[in-house]
């Protein structure tokens, strides 16, 4: 259940990352849809993060679930900010 929550969290945070105006538009149709529909994307990402939070709370308890979610959000966003531009740069070359 924890793995499922982390996957949902990654997808939600990736959707939130792609709603940024500064983020480069990706080549996939999904990334283009995320940037062209920012309101739906933000709603989808908030719902995904909330579902992941609830799954982690159910799996590990309230305090540990909230702490686990905060640590996972920090780690995932750090990786997204570092790796997504690098991957896009490598695709262009």
C-alpha atoms as a PDB file:
ATOM      1  CA  UNK A   1       0.000   0.000   0.000  1.00  0.00           C
ATOM      2  CA  UNK A   2       2.913   2.308   0.666  1.00  0.00           C
ATOM      3  CA  UNK A   3       4.287   1.720  -2.840  1.00  0.00           C
ATOM      4  CA  UNK A   4       0.896   2.550  -4.356  1.00  0.00           C
ATOM      5  CA  UNK A   5       0.728   5.739  -2.300  1.00  0.00           C
ATOM      6  CA  UNK A   6       4.204   6.788  -3.453  1.00  0.00           C
ATOM      7  CA  UNK A   7       3.295   6.141  -7.114  1.00  0.00           C
ATOM      8  CA  UNK A   8       0.121   8.213  -6.730  1.00  0.00           C
ATOM      9  CA  UNK A   9       2.139  10.937  -5.013  1.00  0.00           C
ATOM     10  CA  UNK A  10       4.722  11.008  -7.818  1.00  0.00           C
ATOM     11  CA  UNK A  11       1.996  11.278 -10.464  1.00  0.00           C
ATOM     12  CA  UNK A  12       0.230  14.060  -8.577  1.00  0.00           C
ATOM     13  CA  UNK A  13       3.390  16.063  -8.009  1.00  0.00           C
ATOM     14  CA  UNK A  14       4.436  15.587 -11.639  1.00  0.00           C
ATOM     15  CA  UNK A  15       1.069  17.018 -12.696  1.00  0.00           C
ATOM     16  CA  UNK A  16       1.590  19.944 -10.339  1.00  0.00           C
ATOM     17  CA  UNK A  17       5.106  20.514 -11.711  1.00  0.00           C
ATOM     18  CA  UNK A  18       3.759  20.660 -15.268  1.00  0.00           C
ATOM     19  CA  UNK A  19       1.247  23.380 -14.433  1.00  0.00           C
ATOM     20  CA  UNK A  20       4.113  25.788 -13.827  1.00  0.00           C
ATOM     21  CA  UNK A  21       4.471  28.505 -16.448  1.00  0.00           C
ATOM     22  CA  UNK A  22       8.269  28.269 -16.265  1.00  0.00           C
ATOM     23  CA  UNK A  23       8.408  24.530 -16.926  1.00  0.00           C
ATOM     24  CA  UNK A  24       9.328  23.593 -20.481  1.00  0.00           C
ATOM     25  CA  UNK A  25       6.542  21.955 -22.418  1.00  0.00           C
ATOM     26  CA  UNK A  26       7.214  18.256 -22.713  1.00  0.00           C
ATOM     27  CA  UNK A  27       6.879  16.264 -25.887  1.00  0.00           C
ATOM     28  CA  UNK A  28       4.212  13.817 -24.723  1.00  0.00           C
ATOM     29  CA  UNK A  29       0.509  14.438 -25.173  1.00  0.00           C
ATOM     30  CA  UNK A  30      -0.079  13.995 -21.438  1.00  0.00           C
ATOM     31  CA  UNK A  31       2.367  16.789 -20.552  1.00  0.00           C
ATOM     32  CA  UNK A  32       0.835  19.086 -23.164  1.00  0.00           C
ATOM     33  CA  UNK A  33      -2.636  18.374 -21.785  1.00  0.00           C
ATOM     34  CA  UNK A  34      -1.448  19.160 -18.256  1.00  0.00           C
ATOM     35  CA  UNK A  35      -0.076  22.542 -19.312  1.00  0.00           C
ATOM     36  CA  UNK A  36      -3.078  23.448 -21.459  1.00  0.00           C
ATOM     37  CA  UNK A  37      -5.559  22.636 -18.651  1.00  0.00           C
ATOM     38  CA  UNK A  38      -3.948  24.082 -15.509  1.00  0.00           C
ATOM     39  CA  UNK A  39      -7.113  24.213 -13.412  1.00  0.00           C
ATOM     40  CA  UNK A  40      -7.961  20.552 -13.978  1.00  0.00           C
ATOM     41  CA  UNK A  41      -4.327  19.576 -13.523  1.00  0.00           C
ATOM     42  CA  UNK A  42      -4.076  21.338 -10.171  1.00  0.00           C
ATOM     43  CA  UNK A  43      -7.333  19.728  -9.029  1.00  0.00           C
ATOM     44  CA  UNK A  44      -6.094  16.319 -10.159  1.00  0.00           C
ATOM     45  CA  UNK A  45      -2.740  16.789  -8.453  1.00  0.00           C
ATOM     46  CA  UNK A  46      -4.292  18.004  -5.187  1.00  0.00           C
ATOM     47  CA  UNK A  47      -6.642  15.027  -5.168  1.00  0.00           C
ATOM     48  CA  UNK A  48      -3.747  12.647  -5.858  1.00  0.00           C
ATOM     49  CA  UNK A  49      -1.656  14.087  -3.041  1.00  0.00           C
ATOM     50  CA  UNK A  50      -4.625  13.869  -0.673  1.00  0.00           C
ATOM     51  CA  UNK A  51      -5.318  10.247  -1.632  1.00  0.00           C
ATOM     52  CA  UNK A  52      -1.652   9.384  -1.123  1.00  0.00           C
ATOM     53  CA  UNK A  53      -1.702  11.121   2.268  1.00  0.00           C
ATOM     54  CA  UNK A  54      -4.782   9.174   3.326  1.00  0.00           C
ATOM     55  CA  UNK A  55      -3.264   5.879   2.157  1.00  0.00           C
ATOM     56  CA  UNK A  56      -0.072   6.550   4.095  1.00  0.00           C
ATOM     57  CA  UNK A  57      -2.019   7.540   7.205  1.00  0.00           C
ATOM     58  CA  UNK A  58      -4.029   4.334   6.947  1.00  0.00           C
ATOM     59  CA  UNK A  59      -0.906   2.221   6.459  1.00  0.00           C
ATOM     60  CA  UNK A  60       1.375   3.752   9.101  1.00  0.00           C
ATOM     61  CA  UNK A  61      -0.769   5.779  11.495  1.00  0.00           C
ATOM     62  CA  UNK A  62      -1.475   9.501  11.688  1.00  0.00           C
ATOM     63  CA  UNK A  63       1.841  10.961  12.817  1.00  0.00           C
ATOM     64  CA  UNK A  64       4.038   8.632  10.799  1.00  0.00           C
ATOM     65  CA  UNK A  65       1.798   8.977   7.740  1.00  0.00           C
ATOM     66  CA  UNK A  66       1.955  12.768   7.777  1.00  0.00           C
ATOM     67  CA  UNK A  67       5.712  12.726   8.362  1.00  0.00           C
ATOM     68  CA  UNK A  68       6.223  10.098   5.646  1.00  0.00           C
ATOM     69  CA  UNK A  69       4.183  12.203   3.206  1.00  0.00           C
ATOM     70  CA  UNK A  70       6.149  15.374   3.960  1.00  0.00           C
ATOM     71  CA  UNK A  71       9.487  13.630   3.518  1.00  0.00           C
ATOM     72  CA  UNK A  72       8.301  11.937   0.321  1.00  0.00           C
ATOM     73  CA  UNK A  73       6.995  15.249  -1.101  1.00  0.00           C
ATOM     74  CA  UNK A  74      10.334  16.940  -0.429  1.00  0.00           C
ATOM     75  CA  UNK A  75      12.296  14.086  -2.000  1.00  0.00           C
ATOM     76  CA  UNK A  76      10.029  13.717  -5.038  1.00  0.00           C
ATOM     77  CA  UNK A  77       9.899  17.436  -5.795  1.00  0.00           C
ATOM     78  CA  UNK A  78      13.675  17.678  -5.472  1.00  0.00           C
ATOM     79  CA  UNK A  79      14.090  14.836  -7.942  1.00  0.00           C
ATOM     80  CA  UNK A  80      11.514  16.295 -10.334  1.00  0.00           C
ATOM     81  CA  UNK A  81      13.181  19.703 -10.331  1.00  0.00           C
ATOM     82  CA  UNK A  82      16.571  18.126 -11.004  1.00  0.00           C
ATOM     83  CA  UNK A  83      15.733  15.300 -13.396  1.00  0.00           C
ATOM     84  CA  UNK A  84      12.895  16.522 -15.640  1.00  0.00           C
ATOM     85  CA  UNK A  85      14.942  19.320 -17.283  1.00  0.00           C
ATOM     86  CA  UNK A  86      17.895  16.939 -17.636  1.00  0.00           C
ATOM     87  CA  UNK A  87      15.734  14.309 -19.344  1.00  0.00           C
ATOM     88  CA  UNK A  88      14.246  16.910 -21.688  1.00  0.00           C
ATOM     89  CA  UNK A  89      17.706  18.203 -22.538  1.00  0.00           C
ATOM     90  CA  UNK A  90      18.913  14.680 -23.330  1.00  0.00           C
ATOM     91  CA  UNK A  91      15.858  14.062 -25.546  1.00  0.00           C
ATOM     92  CA  UNK A  92      16.628  17.163 -27.613  1.00  0.00           C
ATOM     93  CA  UNK A  93      20.180  16.010 -28.387  1.00  0.00           C
END
